[in-house]
Amino acid sequence: MDIPHSRLLIDESDIKAVTDVLASGHIAQGRKTRDFEGEFASFVGTKFATAVSSGTAAIHLALASLGVGRGDEVIMPSYVCTSPYMAALHAGAVPIIADIGNSDFNLDLESVKNRITPRTKALIVPHMFGCPVDIDPFLELGIPLIEDCAQSAGAEYRGRRVGSMGRVSVFSFYATKIMTTGEGGMVMTNDPEINDQLKALRDYDGRSLDVVRYNYKMTDMEAALGLSQLKRLPDFIRRRKQIARTYNNRLSSYNLSLQFQAPHKNSVHYRYVLLCEKMEQLRGHMRKRGVSCEKPVSVPLHFSFPNIRCPNTDFVYGRAISIPLYPALSDDEVDYVMDSLELGLITIF
């Protein structure tokens, strides 16, 4: 059996939505994009949404809308993809790298507090692997907070949807995410002035030349796919939870560390991450069985800077392995993943 780490779930309704746009003759940003913005804002629970070309573009525009510029500092975790780092550089800002907690793999509050300076202008807080961060203490810091929901569409924290709590929030719809438009992203806010800024910066045609603007538009083809996927997002999440429960039950008798899921957090299980001392040996065993398992973060940010210490990130990175979990997995494939993993745990340990 060959089971990839991620697999798209595209059905006939998705295909028809895109082909209808192609047949209409209007494929660039237009009515479908506006419809997608409205539907996604209703889903998340914000007043405004701005569709853009990628998750990185979303973070860049979020920073720009907050007035973050040259020399300003933006705090973010080390244990994350490079998108927040690159977006901060695009804005001319200085990325400040902080550590994570070693139980939920989310940004660590004390590490952030130790890095705040008078030049701190924004804080990027991801909800890692679909599990919400304990966001309230970060909001109390008084620093403009950008929720990074690239991996967590539909997750909830104390009954509130992620993306509805920060000053600004960003989503990614890349091919491997909870729902997809191929590429693409969204920026959300409840602040009308920030929303005006986002719309003004997203494209430059017909606008004044007094500020730098960008070509970050989403196409109607992507938006049509997004609208179709959004209708099925609750089903996607239910299936992810079902698979996660199966994994939890099968692994309950093993001495493994899993991402901590507090009762007040409703995760969407974007990744199923476990920690083990012999991570590379386990990955090799799974590969031989035809099951692709990956490091959930390729390379932590602080690895490029020898003077930055993030001990919890080091600990997690050296042990974390992500096993396949996505709605397109069949029950037989779920059982095969678990059979393979249990065999590996028995033979390696």
C-alpha atoms as a PDB file:
ATOM      1  CA  MET A   1       0.000   0.000   0.000  1.00  0.00           C
ATOM      2  CA  ASP A   2       1.224   3.523  -0.827  1.00  0.00           C
ATOM      3  CA  ILE A   3      -0.080   6.240   1.514  1.00  0.00           C
ATOM      4  CA  PRO A   4       1.218   9.803   1.023  1.00  0.00           C
ATOM      5  CA  HIS A   5       1.554  12.274   3.867  1.00  0.00           C
ATOM      6  CA  SER A   6      -1.128  14.515   2.287  1.00  0.00           C
ATOM      7  CA  ARG A   7      -3.737  13.966  -0.400  1.00  0.00           C
ATOM      8  CA  LEU A   8      -6.251  16.319  -2.005  1.00  0.00           C
ATOM      9  CA  LEU A   9      -9.982  15.692  -1.717  1.00  0.00           C
ATOM     10  CA  ILE A  10     -11.484  17.200  -4.870  1.00  0.00           C
ATOM     11  CA  ASP A  11     -14.914  16.040  -6.029  1.00  0.00           C
ATOM     12  CA  GLU A  12     -17.213  16.715  -8.981  1.00  0.00           C
ATOM     13  CA  SER A  13     -18.784  19.745  -7.306  1.00  0.00           C
ATOM     14  CA  ASP A  14     -15.336  21.345  -6.975  1.00  0.00           C
ATOM     15  CA  ILE A  15     -14.544  20.646 -10.625  1.00  0.00           C
ATOM     16  CA  LYS A  16     -17.901  22.011 -11.794  1.00  0.00           C
ATOM     17  CA  ALA A  17     -17.465  25.181  -9.732  1.00  0.00           C
ATOM     18  CA  VAL A  18     -14.153  25.920 -11.460  1.00  0.00           C
ATOM     19  CA  THR A  19     -15.290  24.957 -14.960  1.00  0.00           C
ATOM     20  CA  ASP A  20     -18.387  27.158 -14.589  1.00  0.00           C
ATOM     21  CA  VAL A  21     -16.104  30.117 -13.953  1.00  0.00           C
ATOM     22  CA  LEU A  22     -13.958  29.181 -16.942  1.00  0.00           C
ATOM     23  CA  ALA A  23     -17.055  28.972 -19.109  1.00  0.00           C
ATOM     24  CA  SER A  24     -18.269  32.369 -17.883  1.00  0.00           C
ATOM     25  CA  GLY A  25     -15.290  34.139 -19.430  1.00  0.00           C
ATOM     26  CA  HIS A  26     -14.519  36.052 -16.204  1.00  0.00           C
ATOM     27  CA  ILE A  27     -11.663  34.282 -14.464  1.00  0.00           C
ATOM     28  CA  ALA A  28      -9.805  37.098 -12.656  1.00  0.00           C
ATOM     29  CA  GLN A  29     -10.837  38.696  -9.344  1.00  0.00           C
ATOM     30  CA  GLY A  30     -14.553  39.450  -9.470  1.00  0.00           C
ATOM     31  CA  ARG A  31     -17.947  38.421  -8.115  1.00  0.00           C
ATOM     32  CA  LYS A  32     -16.898  34.916  -7.028  1.00  0.00           C
ATOM     33  CA  THR A  33     -14.034  36.370  -5.033  1.00  0.00           C
ATOM     34  CA  ARG A  34     -16.400  38.804  -3.291  1.00  0.00           C
ATOM     35  CA  ASP A  35     -18.817  35.953  -2.572  1.00  0.00           C
ATOM     36  CA  PHE A  36     -16.011  33.862  -1.108  1.00  0.00           C
ATOM     37  CA  GLU A  37     -14.907  36.754   1.111  1.00  0.00           C
ATOM     38  CA  GLY A  38     -18.447  37.155   2.446  1.00  0.00           C
ATOM     39  CA  GLU A  39     -19.018  33.444   3.046  1.00  0.00           C
ATOM     40  CA  PHE A  40     -15.671  32.938   4.742  1.00  0.00           C
ATOM     41  CA  ALA A  41     -16.143  35.987   6.981  1.00  0.00           C
ATOM     42  CA  SER A  42     -19.496  34.534   8.081  1.00  0.00           C
ATOM     43  CA  PHE A  43     -17.868  31.173   8.773  1.00  0.00           C
ATOM     44  CA  VAL A  44     -15.021  32.612  10.858  1.00  0.00           C
ATOM     45  CA  GLY A  45     -17.158  35.257  12.567  1.00  0.00           C
ATOM     46  CA  THR A  46     -15.507  38.477  11.436  1.00  0.00           C
ATOM     47  CA  LYS A  47     -16.983  41.551   9.762  1.00  0.00           C
ATOM     48  CA  PHE A  48     -14.496  41.743   6.917  1.00  0.00           C
ATOM     49  CA  ALA A  49     -12.394  39.469   4.714  1.00  0.00           C
ATOM     50  CA  THR A  50      -9.893  40.142   1.930  1.00  0.00           C
ATOM     51  CA  ALA A  51      -8.995  37.290  -0.413  1.00  0.00           C
ATOM     52  CA  VAL A  52      -5.385  37.218  -1.594  1.00  0.00           C
ATOM     53  CA  SER A  53      -2.991  35.145  -3.667  1.00  0.00           C
ATOM     54  CA  SER A  54      -1.250  33.201  -0.867  1.00  0.00           C
ATOM     55  CA  GLY A  55      -0.877  32.785   2.866  1.00  0.00           C
ATOM     56  CA  THR A  56       2.420  34.684   2.766  1.00  0.00           C
ATOM     57  CA  ALA A  57       0.732  37.562   0.931  1.00  0.00           C
ATOM     58  CA  ALA A  58      -1.944  37.502   3.647  1.00  0.00           C
ATOM     59  CA  ILE A  59       0.638  37.927   6.428  1.00  0.00           C
ATOM     60  CA  HIS A  60       2.459  40.652   4.499  1.00  0.00           C
ATOM     61  CA  LEU A  61      -0.761  42.605   3.961  1.00  0.00           C
ATOM     62  CA  ALA A  62      -1.738  42.084   7.606  1.00  0.00           C
ATOM     63  CA  LEU A  63       1.567  43.608   8.713  1.00  0.00           C
ATOM     64  CA  ALA A  64       1.265  46.475   6.216  1.00  0.00           C
ATOM     65  CA  SER A  65      -2.294  47.219   7.352  1.00  0.00           C
ATOM     66  CA  LEU A  66      -0.985  47.581  10.926  1.00  0.00           C
ATOM     67  CA  GLY A  67       1.620  50.087   9.759  1.00  0.00           C
ATOM     68  CA  VAL A  68       4.553  47.736  10.379  1.00  0.00           C
ATOM     69  CA  GLY A  69       7.577  48.936   8.453  1.00  0.00           C
ATOM     70  CA  ARG A  70      11.320  49.294   8.346  1.00  0.00           C
ATOM     71  CA  GLY A  71      13.043  48.633  11.655  1.00  0.00           C
ATOM     72  CA  ASP A  72       9.901  47.518  13.481  1.00  0.00           C
ATOM     73  CA  GLU A  73      10.080  44.198  15.306  1.00  0.00           C
ATOM     74  CA  VAL A  74       7.657  41.327  14.755  1.00  0.00           C
ATOM     75  CA  ILE A  75       7.681  38.402  17.201  1.00  0.00           C
ATOM     76  CA  MET A  76       6.961  34.892  15.890  1.00  0.00           C
ATOM     77  CA  PRO A  77       7.747  31.306  16.903  1.00  0.00           C
ATOM     78  CA  SER A  78      10.773  29.413  15.640  1.00  0.00           C
ATOM     79  CA  TYR A  79       8.742  26.243  15.166  1.00  0.00           C
ATOM     80  CA  VAL A  80       6.772  27.321  12.100  1.00  0.00           C
ATOM     81  CA  CYS A  81       7.144  27.398   8.321  1.00  0.00           C
ATOM     82  CA  THR A  82       9.194  30.239   6.854  1.00  0.00           C
ATOM     83  CA  SER A  83       6.142  32.197   5.650  1.00  0.00           C
ATOM     84  CA  PRO A  84       5.847  34.573   8.675  1.00  0.00           C
ATOM     85  CA  TYR A  85       9.579  35.242   8.561  1.00  0.00           C
ATOM     86  CA  MET A  86       9.530  36.072   4.840  1.00  0.00           C
ATOM     87  CA  ALA A  87       6.418  38.216   5.220  1.00  0.00           C
ATOM     88  CA  ALA A  88       8.123  40.272   7.945  1.00  0.00           C
ATOM     89  CA  LEU A  89      11.113  40.798   5.654  1.00  0.00           C
ATOM     90  CA  HIS A  90       8.766  41.866   2.845  1.00  0.00           C
ATOM     91  CA  ALA A  91       7.410  44.518   5.214  1.00  0.00           C
ATOM     92  CA  GLY A  92      10.941  45.717   6.013  1.00  0.00           C
ATOM     93  CA  ALA A  93      10.552  44.561   9.615  1.00  0.00           C
ATOM     94  CA  VAL A  94      12.905  42.626  11.883  1.00  0.00           C
ATOM     95  CA  PRO A  95      11.687  39.089  12.729  1.00  0.00           C
ATOM     96  CA  ILE A  96      12.154  38.273  16.418  1.00  0.00           C
ATOM     97  CA  ILE A  97      12.167  34.526  17.002  1.00  0.00           C
ATOM     98  CA  ALA A  98      10.613  33.051  20.150  1.00  0.00           C
ATOM     99  CA  ASP A  99      10.293  29.549  21.591  1.00  0.00           C
ATOM    100  CA  ILE A 100       7.283  27.232  21.842  1.00  0.00           C
ATOM    101  CA  GLY A 101       5.789  25.127  24.601  1.00  0.00           C
ATOM    102  CA  ASN A 102       6.888  21.491  24.431  1.00  0.00           C
ATOM    103  CA  SER A 103       3.406  20.067  25.088  1.00  0.00           C
ATOM    104  CA  ASP A 104       1.091  21.859  22.665  1.00  0.00           C
ATOM    105  CA  PHE A 105       3.854  23.065  20.262  1.00  0.00           C
ATOM    106  CA  ASN A 106       2.351  26.579  20.218  1.00  0.00           C
ATOM    107  CA  LEU A 107       4.080  29.884  20.939  1.00  0.00           C
ATOM    108  CA  ASP A 108       5.337  30.197  24.536  1.00  0.00           C
ATOM    109  CA  LEU A 109       4.064  33.239  26.454  1.00  0.00           C
ATOM    110  CA  GLU A 110       7.127  33.726  28.667  1.00  0.00           C
ATOM    111  CA  SER A 111       9.461  33.498  25.692  1.00  0.00           C
ATOM    112  CA  VAL A 112       7.449  36.231  23.993  1.00  0.00           C
ATOM    113  CA  LYS A 113       7.496  38.458  27.073  1.00  0.00           C
ATOM    114  CA  ASN A 114      11.288  38.190  27.205  1.00  0.00           C
ATOM    115  CA  ARG A 115      11.549  39.461  23.624  1.00  0.00           C
ATOM    116  CA  ILE A 116       9.262  42.502  23.787  1.00  0.00           C
ATOM    117  CA  THR A 117      11.010  45.847  23.263  1.00  0.00           C
ATOM    118  CA  PRO A 118       9.809  49.390  22.500  1.00  0.00           C
ATOM    119  CA  ARG A 119      10.209  48.488  18.810  1.00  0.00           C
ATOM    120  CA  THR A 120       7.789  45.528  18.974  1.00  0.00           C
ATOM    121  CA  LYS A 121       4.931  46.402  16.628  1.00  0.00           C
ATOM    122  CA  ALA A 122       3.223  43.052  16.011  1.00  0.00           C
ATOM    123  CA  LEU A 123       2.968  39.487  17.253  1.00  0.00           C
ATOM    124  CA  ILE A 124       2.286  36.559  14.893  1.00  0.00           C
ATOM    125  CA  VAL A 125       0.594  33.703  16.759  1.00  0.00           C
ATOM    126  CA  PRO A 126       0.004  30.459  14.813  1.00  0.00           C
ATOM    127  CA  HIS A 127      -2.450  27.783  15.895  1.00  0.00           C
ATOM    128  CA  MET A 128      -0.073  24.925  15.204  1.00  0.00           C
ATOM    129  CA  PHE A 129      -1.277  21.723  13.547  1.00  0.00           C
ATOM    130  CA  GLY A 130      -4.926  22.759  13.977  1.00  0.00           C
ATOM    131  CA  CYS A 131      -4.742  23.112  17.781  1.00  0.00           C
ATOM    132  CA  PRO A 132      -5.624  26.618  19.071  1.00  0.00           C
ATOM    133  CA  VAL A 133      -3.086  28.507  21.133  1.00  0.00           C
ATOM    134  CA  ASP A 134      -4.137  29.826  24.555  1.00  0.00           C
ATOM    135  CA  ILE A 135      -4.658  33.217  22.994  1.00  0.00           C
ATOM    136  CA  ASP A 136      -6.140  35.325  25.815  1.00  0.00           C
ATOM    137  CA  PRO A 137      -2.815  35.968  27.632  1.00  0.00           C
ATOM    138  CA  PHE A 138      -1.262  37.079  24.337  1.00  0.00           C
ATOM    139  CA  LEU A 139      -4.124  39.488  23.699  1.00  0.00           C
ATOM    140  CA  GLU A 140      -3.548  40.982  27.147  1.00  0.00           C
ATOM    141  CA  LEU A 141      -0.004  41.996  26.166  1.00  0.00           C
ATOM    142  CA  GLY A 142      -1.458  44.963  24.260  1.00  0.00           C
ATOM    143  CA  ILE A 143       0.582  44.269  21.114  1.00  0.00           C
ATOM    144  CA  PRO A 144      -1.313  44.078  17.798  1.00  0.00           C
ATOM    145  CA  LEU A 145      -1.836  40.345  17.314  1.00  0.00           C
ATOM    146  CA  ILE A 146      -2.007  38.538  13.994  1.00  0.00           C
ATOM    147  CA  GLU A 147      -3.645  35.126  14.279  1.00  0.00           C
ATOM    148  CA  ASP A 148      -1.965  32.718  11.874  1.00  0.00           C
ATOM    149  CA  CYS A 149      -4.739  30.253  11.042  1.00  0.00           C
ATOM    150  CA  ALA A 150      -3.012  28.640   8.059  1.00  0.00           C
ATOM    151  CA  GLN A 151      -3.451  25.188   9.642  1.00  0.00           C
ATOM    152  CA  SER A 152      -6.580  25.691  11.682  1.00  0.00           C
ATOM    153  CA  ALA A 153      -9.662  26.762   9.684  1.00  0.00           C
ATOM    154  CA  GLY A 154     -12.692  25.766  11.743  1.00  0.00           C
ATOM    155  CA  ALA A 155     -10.872  25.246  15.057  1.00  0.00           C
ATOM    156  CA  GLU A 156     -12.314  26.837  18.197  1.00  0.00           C
ATOM    157  CA  TYR A 157     -10.911  28.295  21.424  1.00  0.00           C
ATOM    158  CA  ARG A 158     -13.377  28.604  24.309  1.00  0.00           C
ATOM    159  CA  GLY A 159     -16.227  28.522  21.810  1.00  0.00           C
ATOM    160  CA  ARG A 160     -14.749  31.187  19.525  1.00  0.00           C
ATOM    161  CA  ARG A 161     -13.580  30.368  16.009  1.00  0.00           C
ATOM    162  CA  VAL A 162      -9.888  30.915  15.425  1.00  0.00           C
ATOM    163  CA  GLY A 163      -9.387  33.961  13.253  1.00  0.00           C
ATOM    164  CA  SER A 164     -12.015  36.001  15.089  1.00  0.00           C
ATOM    165  CA  MET A 165      -9.909  37.052  18.078  1.00  0.00           C
ATOM    166  CA  GLY A 166      -6.802  38.862  16.817  1.00  0.00           C
ATOM    167  CA  ARG A 167      -6.544  42.408  15.514  1.00  0.00           C
ATOM    168  CA  VAL A 168      -6.014  40.729  12.151  1.00  0.00           C
ATOM    169  CA  SER A 169      -6.028  37.058  11.165  1.00  0.00           C
ATOM    170  CA  VAL A 170      -4.674  35.184   8.162  1.00  0.00           C
ATOM    171  CA  PHE A 171      -5.569  31.908   6.465  1.00  0.00           C
ATOM    172  CA  SER A 172      -3.860  29.817   3.806  1.00  0.00           C
ATOM    173  CA  PHE A 173      -5.655  27.733   1.188  1.00  0.00           C
ATOM    174  CA  TYR A 174      -2.600  25.971  -0.189  1.00  0.00           C
ATOM    175  CA  ALA A 175      -3.153  22.506  -1.662  1.00  0.00           C
ATOM    176  CA  THR A 176      -2.353  20.621   1.574  1.00  0.00           C
ATOM    177  CA  LYS A 177      -4.365  22.796   3.952  1.00  0.00           C
ATOM    178  CA  ILE A 178      -7.682  22.065   5.714  1.00  0.00           C
ATOM    179  CA  MET A 179      -9.481  23.366   2.621  1.00  0.00           C
ATOM    180  CA  THR A 180      -7.889  24.479  -0.613  1.00  0.00           C
ATOM    181  CA  THR A 181      -8.069  26.896  -3.505  1.00  0.00           C
ATOM    182  CA  GLY A 182      -4.780  25.548  -4.905  1.00  0.00           C
ATOM    183  CA  GLU A 183      -2.888  28.618  -3.787  1.00  0.00           C
ATOM    184  CA  GLY A 184      -4.526  31.570  -2.068  1.00  0.00           C
ATOM    185  CA  GLY A 185      -5.200  33.050   1.330  1.00  0.00           C
ATOM    186  CA  MET A 186      -7.491  35.345   3.298  1.00  0.00           C
ATOM    187  CA  VAL A 187      -7.014  38.274   5.687  1.00  0.00           C
ATOM    188  CA  MET A 188      -9.744  38.854   8.287  1.00  0.00           C
ATOM    189  CA  THR A 189     -10.526  41.755  10.629  1.00  0.00           C
ATOM    190  CA  ASN A 190     -13.333  43.460  12.511  1.00  0.00           C
ATOM    191  CA  ASP A 191     -11.710  46.887  12.122  1.00  0.00           C
ATOM    192  CA  PRO A 192     -13.149  48.896   9.192  1.00  0.00           C
ATOM    193  CA  GLU A 193     -10.026  51.067   8.902  1.00  0.00           C
ATOM    194  CA  ILE A 194      -7.764  48.025   8.651  1.00  0.00           C
ATOM    195  CA  ASN A 195     -10.132  46.501   6.113  1.00  0.00           C
ATOM    196  CA  ASP A 196      -9.918  49.681   4.011  1.00  0.00           C
ATOM    197  CA  GLN A 197      -6.135  49.453   4.171  1.00  0.00           C
ATOM    198  CA  LEU A 198      -6.149  45.817   3.114  1.00  0.00           C
ATOM    199  CA  LYS A 199      -8.359  46.484   0.113  1.00  0.00           C
ATOM    200  CA  ALA A 200      -6.290  49.521  -0.865  1.00  0.00           C
ATOM    201  CA  LEU A 201      -2.987  47.622  -0.727  1.00  0.00           C
ATOM    202  CA  ARG A 202      -4.112  44.366  -2.400  1.00  0.00           C
ATOM    203  CA  ASP A 203      -3.962  45.787  -5.962  1.00  0.00           C
ATOM    204  CA  TYR A 204      -2.779  48.965  -7.647  1.00  0.00           C
ATOM    205  CA  ASP A 205      -4.849  49.447 -10.805  1.00  0.00           C
ATOM    206  CA  GLY A 206      -6.637  52.790 -10.822  1.00  0.00           C
ATOM    207  CA  ARG A 207      -5.189  53.830  -7.466  1.00  0.00           C
ATOM    208  CA  SER A 208      -2.935  56.692  -6.464  1.00  0.00           C
ATOM    209  CA  LEU A 209       0.838  56.314  -6.527  1.00  0.00           C
ATOM    210  CA  ASP A 210       1.418  57.751  -3.065  1.00  0.00           C
ATOM    211  CA  VAL A 211       2.152  54.384  -1.426  1.00  0.00           C
ATOM    212  CA  VAL A 212       3.556  51.012  -2.487  1.00  0.00           C
ATOM    213  CA  ARG A 213       0.752  48.641  -3.459  1.00  0.00           C
ATOM    214  CA  TYR A 214       0.791  44.992  -4.514  1.00  0.00           C
ATOM    215  CA  ASN A 215      -0.706  42.519  -6.945  1.00  0.00           C
ATOM    216  CA  TYR A 216      -2.033  40.038  -4.389  1.00  0.00           C
ATOM    217  CA  LYS A 217      -5.427  39.306  -5.951  1.00  0.00           C
ATOM    218  CA  MET A 218      -7.209  35.962  -5.862  1.00  0.00           C
ATOM    219  CA  THR A 219      -8.771  34.714  -9.101  1.00  0.00           C
ATOM    220  CA  ASP A 220     -12.441  33.816  -9.444  1.00  0.00           C
ATOM    221  CA  MET A 221     -11.354  30.283 -10.357  1.00  0.00           C
ATOM    222  CA  GLU A 222      -9.666  29.920  -6.984  1.00  0.00           C
ATOM    223  CA  ALA A 223     -12.590  31.587  -5.206  1.00  0.00           C
ATOM    224  CA  ALA A 224     -15.074  29.233  -6.853  1.00  0.00           C
ATOM    225  CA  LEU A 225     -13.065  26.248  -5.613  1.00  0.00           C
ATOM    226  CA  GLY A 226     -12.903  27.887  -2.183  1.00  0.00           C
ATOM    227  CA  LEU A 227     -16.685  28.341  -2.039  1.00  0.00           C
ATOM    228  CA  SER A 228     -17.198  24.699  -2.996  1.00  0.00           C
ATOM    229  CA  GLN A 229     -14.656  23.455  -0.446  1.00  0.00           C
ATOM    230  CA  LEU A 230     -16.095  25.693   2.282  1.00  0.00           C
ATOM    231  CA  LYS A 231     -19.477  23.946   1.940  1.00  0.00           C
ATOM    232  CA  ARG A 232     -17.761  20.645   2.737  1.00  0.00           C
ATOM    233  CA  LEU A 233     -15.376  21.954   5.392  1.00  0.00           C
ATOM    234  CA  PRO A 234     -17.542  20.698   8.318  1.00  0.00           C
ATOM    235  CA  ASP A 235     -17.443  17.217   6.758  1.00  0.00           C
ATOM    236  CA  PHE A 236     -13.664  17.472   6.309  1.00  0.00           C
ATOM    237  CA  ILE A 237     -13.272  18.375   9.973  1.00  0.00           C
ATOM    238  CA  ARG A 238     -15.587  15.580  11.157  1.00  0.00           C
ATOM    239  CA  ARG A 239     -13.554  13.033   9.235  1.00  0.00           C
ATOM    240  CA  ARG A 240     -10.286  14.393  10.623  1.00  0.00           C
ATOM    241  CA  LYS A 241     -11.650  14.100  14.154  1.00  0.00           C
ATOM    242  CA  GLN A 242     -12.856  10.578  13.498  1.00  0.00           C
ATOM    243  CA  ILE A 243      -9.415   9.501  12.290  1.00  0.00           C
ATOM    244  CA  ALA A 244      -7.715  11.256  15.226  1.00  0.00           C
ATOM    245  CA  ARG A 245      -9.964   9.370  17.675  1.00  0.00           C
ATOM    246  CA  THR A 246      -9.029   6.090  16.025  1.00  0.00           C
ATOM    247  CA  TYR A 247      -5.344   6.948  16.273  1.00  0.00           C
ATOM    248  CA  ASN A 248      -5.715   7.987  19.912  1.00  0.00           C
ATOM    249  CA  ASN A 249      -7.491   4.750  20.801  1.00  0.00           C
ATOM    250  CA  ARG A 250      -4.972   2.565  19.001  1.00  0.00           C
ATOM    251  CA  LEU A 251      -1.981   4.337  20.569  1.00  0.00           C
ATOM    252  CA  SER A 252      -3.335   4.723  24.099  1.00  0.00           C
ATOM    253  CA  SER A 253      -1.378   1.730  25.390  1.00  0.00           C
ATOM    254  CA  TYR A 254       1.974   3.059  24.160  1.00  0.00           C
ATOM    255  CA  ASN A 255       4.187   5.482  26.034  1.00  0.00           C
ATOM    256  CA  LEU A 256       4.036   8.255  23.448  1.00  0.00           C
ATOM    257  CA  SER A 257       3.843  12.031  23.773  1.00  0.00           C
ATOM    258  CA  LEU A 258       1.137  13.562  21.593  1.00  0.00           C
ATOM    259  CA  GLN A 259       0.209  17.200  21.051  1.00  0.00           C
ATOM    260  CA  PHE A 260      -1.663  18.248  24.196  1.00  0.00           C
ATOM    261  CA  GLN A 261      -5.345  18.983  23.496  1.00  0.00           C
ATOM    262  CA  ALA A 262      -6.907  20.943  26.372  1.00  0.00           C
ATOM    263  CA  PRO A 263     -10.695  20.581  26.889  1.00  0.00           C
ATOM    264  CA  HIS A 264     -11.340  24.251  26.025  1.00  0.00           C
ATOM    265  CA  LYS A 265      -9.699  23.786  22.617  1.00  0.00           C
ATOM    266  CA  ASN A 266     -11.505  22.264  19.649  1.00  0.00           C
ATOM    267  CA  SER A 267      -8.762  21.144  17.277  1.00  0.00           C
ATOM    268  CA  VAL A 268      -9.286  20.359  13.588  1.00  0.00           C
ATOM    269  CA  HIS A 269      -6.318  17.932  13.596  1.00  0.00           C
ATOM    270  CA  TYR A 270      -4.473  19.348  10.612  1.00  0.00           C
ATOM    271  CA  ARG A 271      -1.521  17.173  11.563  1.00  0.00           C
ATOM    272  CA  TYR A 272      -1.279  14.188  13.883  1.00  0.00           C
ATOM    273  CA  VAL A 273       2.063  14.699  15.594  1.00  0.00           C
ATOM    274  CA  LEU A 274       3.734  12.383  18.068  1.00  0.00           C
ATOM    275  CA  LEU A 275       7.118  12.580  19.762  1.00  0.00           C
ATOM    276  CA  CYS A 276       9.520   9.660  19.946  1.00  0.00           C
ATOM    277  CA  GLU A 277      13.217   9.318  20.700  1.00  0.00           C
ATOM    278  CA  LYS A 278      13.924   7.278  17.570  1.00  0.00           C
ATOM    279  CA  MET A 279      11.990   9.439  15.152  1.00  0.00           C
ATOM    280  CA  GLU A 280      14.229   8.858  12.126  1.00  0.00           C
ATOM    281  CA  GLN A 281      14.217   5.079  12.586  1.00  0.00           C
ATOM    282  CA  LEU A 282      10.424   5.146  12.825  1.00  0.00           C
ATOM    283  CA  ARG A 283      10.157   7.268   9.670  1.00  0.00           C
ATOM    284  CA  GLY A 284      12.394   4.792   7.866  1.00  0.00           C
ATOM    285  CA  HIS A 285      10.280   1.848   9.004  1.00  0.00           C
ATOM    286  CA  MET A 286       7.076   3.562   7.855  1.00  0.00           C
ATOM    287  CA  ARG A 287       8.665   4.418   4.511  1.00  0.00           C
ATOM    288  CA  LYS A 288       9.453   0.754   3.920  1.00  0.00           C
ATOM    289  CA  ARG A 289       5.796  -0.012   4.604  1.00  0.00           C
ATOM    290  CA  GLY A 290       4.729   2.560   2.001  1.00  0.00           C
ATOM    291  CA  VAL A 291       3.520   5.144   4.538  1.00  0.00           C
ATOM    292  CA  SER A 292       4.970   8.629   4.158  1.00  0.00           C
ATOM    293  CA  CYS A 293       5.619  10.360   7.484  1.00  0.00           C
ATOM    294  CA  GLU A 294       7.245  13.772   7.717  1.00  0.00           C
ATOM    295  CA  LYS A 295       8.786  16.230  10.116  1.00  0.00           C
ATOM    296  CA  PRO A 296       5.841  18.599  10.673  1.00  0.00           C
ATOM    297  CA  VAL A 297       8.174  21.612  10.458  1.00  0.00           C
ATOM    298  CA  SER A 298      11.020  21.283   7.964  1.00  0.00           C
ATOM    299  CA  VAL A 299      13.600  23.463   9.726  1.00  0.00           C
ATOM    300  CA  PRO A 300      12.964  25.771  12.718  1.00  0.00           C
ATOM    301  CA  LEU A 301      13.750  29.426  12.095  1.00  0.00           C
ATOM    302  CA  HIS A 302      16.322  29.760  14.845  1.00  0.00           C
ATOM    303  CA  PHE A 303      18.560  27.117  13.248  1.00  0.00           C
ATOM    304  CA  SER A 304      19.825  29.844  10.918  1.00  0.00           C
ATOM    305  CA  PHE A 305      20.913  32.017  13.860  1.00  0.00           C
ATOM    306  CA  PRO A 306      23.464  30.404  16.242  1.00  0.00           C
ATOM    307  CA  ASN A 307      22.972  33.083  18.909  1.00  0.00           C
ATOM    308  CA  ILE A 308      19.228  32.402  19.347  1.00  0.00           C
ATOM    309  CA  ARG A 309      18.236  29.717  21.859  1.00  0.00           C
ATOM    310  CA  CYS A 310      14.886  27.941  21.677  1.00  0.00           C
ATOM    311  CA  PRO A 311      15.341  24.784  23.784  1.00  0.00           C
ATOM    312  CA  ASN A 312      11.719  23.613  23.588  1.00  0.00           C
ATOM    313  CA  THR A 313      11.807  23.910  19.810  1.00  0.00           C
ATOM    314  CA  ASP A 314      15.024  21.876  19.769  1.00  0.00           C
ATOM    315  CA  PHE A 315      13.404  19.200  21.912  1.00  0.00           C
ATOM    316  CA  VAL A 316      10.251  18.926  19.786  1.00  0.00           C
ATOM    317  CA  TYR A 317      12.028  19.144  16.438  1.00  0.00           C
ATOM    318  CA  GLY A 318      14.333  16.247  17.304  1.00  0.00           C
ATOM    319  CA  ARG A 319      11.415  13.958  18.171  1.00  0.00           C
ATOM    320  CA  ALA A 320       8.331  15.061  16.204  1.00  0.00           C
ATOM    321  CA  ILE A 321       6.892  12.905  13.449  1.00  0.00           C
ATOM    322  CA  SER A 322       3.661  13.566  11.564  1.00  0.00           C
ATOM    323  CA  ILE A 323       1.672  10.569  10.332  1.00  0.00           C
ATOM    324  CA  PRO A 324      -0.955  10.760   7.544  1.00  0.00           C
ATOM    325  CA  LEU A 325      -4.283  12.256   8.597  1.00  0.00           C
ATOM    326  CA  TYR A 326      -6.665  13.765   6.037  1.00  0.00           C
ATOM    327  CA  PRO A 327     -10.277  13.266   4.916  1.00  0.00           C
ATOM    328  CA  ALA A 328      -9.300  11.308   1.787  1.00  0.00           C
ATOM    329  CA  LEU A 329      -7.913   8.454   3.911  1.00  0.00           C
ATOM    330  CA  SER A 330     -10.100   5.340   3.718  1.00  0.00           C
ATOM    331  CA  ASP A 331     -10.822   3.218   6.790  1.00  0.00           C
ATOM    332  CA  ASP A 332      -8.571   0.508   5.365  1.00  0.00           C
ATOM    333  CA  GLU A 333      -5.752   3.010   4.962  1.00  0.00           C
ATOM    334  CA  VAL A 334      -6.257   4.276   8.520  1.00  0.00           C
ATOM    335  CA  ASP A 335      -5.952   0.714   9.813  1.00  0.00           C
ATOM    336  CA  TYR A 336      -2.861   0.124   7.685  1.00  0.00           C
ATOM    337  CA  VAL A 337      -1.184   3.274   9.022  1.00  0.00           C
ATOM    338  CA  MET A 338      -1.841   2.131  12.578  1.00  0.00           C
ATOM    339  CA  ASP A 339      -0.805  -1.473  11.924  1.00  0.00           C
ATOM    340  CA  SER A 340       2.461  -0.191  10.425  1.00  0.00           C
ATOM    341  CA  LEU A 341       3.073   2.245  13.247  1.00  0.00           C
ATOM    342  CA  GLU A 342       2.396  -0.339  15.971  1.00  0.00           C
ATOM    343  CA  LEU A 343       4.746  -2.796  14.270  1.00  0.00           C
ATOM    344  CA  GLY A 344       7.407  -0.095  14.194  1.00  0.00           C
ATOM    345  CA  LEU A 345       6.899   0.792  17.842  1.00  0.00           C
ATOM    346  CA  ILE A 346       7.260  -2.869  18.821  1.00  0.00           C
ATOM    347  CA  THR A 347      10.325  -3.634  16.671  1.00  0.00           C
ATOM    348  CA  ILE A 348      12.236  -0.367  17.141  1.00  0.00           C
ATOM    349  CA  PHE A 349      11.601   0.106  20.849  1.00  0.00           C
END
